[in-house]
Structure formats: structure tokens, C-alpha cells
Amino acid sequence: PLDAEAFQDAFAAWMTGEEIKMKDIGLPLRVALTGTKNAPSIIDILLVLGRKEVMTRLEAVCHSL
């Protein structure tokens, strides 16, 4: 089971390590995952969709570019 707080901490640590800020990836990530600019928080989206679905959607977007 995924724990929202632990996931959020890990996601924040990854962004820090990559020197990325949420403002830089939040909107494109939200659109890639939901198809809209207006959606719940990125963390909530990732947790609800789960790893497999997130990867499927991101791969589809990357292959369409």
C-alpha cells in the first residue's frame, strides 16, 4: 500500500535531487496524467492511478511527441 506522506516526501526528495521545482513540472505532469489543467494535487493523482497506470500514461505522452 502506498502512503501519501511517504510518497510526497520521496517525490520532494527526487525533485530536489534533480533540481526541479513543482512549478516546472506540475502543469505538464497533470495534463499528461489527466488530460486537463484542472485536477487534484499531483500526489493525489499519482496515488489514485498507481504506478502502472502512471507509467502507461507518461509513456503514451512521450511517444506521441
Protein backbone atom coordinates (compact mmCIF):
# COMPACT_ATOMS: atom_id res chain seq x y z
CA PRO A 1 0.00 0.00 0.00
CA LEU A 2 1.13 3.49 -0.77
CA ASP A 3 1.39 6.03 2.00
CA ALA A 4 0.64 9.56 0.77
CA GLU A 5 3.03 11.27 3.18
CA ALA A 6 5.92 8.91 2.44
CA PHE A 7 5.30 9.24 -1.28
CA GLN A 8 5.18 13.03 -1.05
CA ASP A 9 8.48 13.04 0.85
CA ALA A 10 10.09 10.75 -1.74
CA PHE A 11 8.74 12.86 -4.63
CA ALA A 12 10.04 16.05 -3.00
CA ALA A 13 13.45 14.46 -2.45
CA TRP A 14 13.55 13.37 -6.11
CA MET A 15 12.68 16.88 -7.31
CA THR A 16 15.39 18.35 -5.07
CA GLY A 17 17.95 15.85 -6.35
CA GLU A 18 17.03 16.67 -9.94
CA GLU A 19 16.91 20.41 -9.17
CA ILE A 20 13.31 20.55 -10.39
CA LYS A 21 10.56 22.61 -8.82
CA MET A 22 6.88 21.66 -8.82
CA LYS A 23 6.08 24.84 -10.76
CA ASP A 24 8.28 23.48 -13.57
CA ILE A 25 6.63 20.08 -13.89
CA GLY A 26 3.26 20.33 -12.14
CA LEU A 27 1.11 21.52 -15.03
CA PRO A 28 2.67 19.33 -17.75
CA LEU A 29 2.53 16.30 -15.45
CA ARG A 30 -1.09 17.00 -14.52
CA VAL A 31 -2.08 17.34 -18.20
CA ALA A 32 -0.17 14.18 -19.15
CA LEU A 33 -1.91 12.17 -16.44
CA THR A 34 -5.43 13.59 -16.54
CA GLY A 35 -5.80 15.38 -19.87
CA THR A 36 -6.75 18.63 -18.15
CA LYS A 37 -5.09 21.55 -16.38
CA ASN A 38 -7.58 21.42 -13.54
CA ALA A 39 -7.25 18.35 -11.35
CA PRO A 40 -6.47 17.34 -7.78
CA SER A 41 -2.93 17.55 -6.45
CA ILE A 42 -0.24 15.68 -8.33
CA ILE A 43 0.40 13.46 -5.32
CA ASP A 44 -3.29 12.50 -5.13
CA ILE A 45 -3.36 11.75 -8.86
CA LEU A 46 -0.25 9.57 -8.65
CA LEU A 47 -1.58 7.65 -5.66
CA VAL A 48 -5.02 7.06 -7.17
CA LEU A 49 -3.74 5.97 -10.57
CA GLY A 50 -0.96 3.79 -9.24
CA ARG A 51 2.49 3.17 -10.67
CA LYS A 52 1.47 1.04 -13.64
CA GLU A 53 -1.19 3.46 -14.93
CA VAL A 54 1.05 6.49 -14.37
CA MET A 55 3.86 4.85 -16.35
CA THR A 56 1.45 3.85 -19.13
CA ARG A 57 0.10 7.38 -19.47
CA LEU A 58 3.53 9.03 -19.34
CA GLU A 59 4.93 6.62 -21.93
CA ALA A 60 1.97 7.33 -24.22
CA VAL A 61 2.57 11.07 -23.98
CA CYS A 62 6.31 10.70 -24.55
CA HIS A 63 5.78 8.51 -27.61
CA SER A 64 3.32 10.99 -29.10
CA LEU A 65 5.84 13.86 -29.07
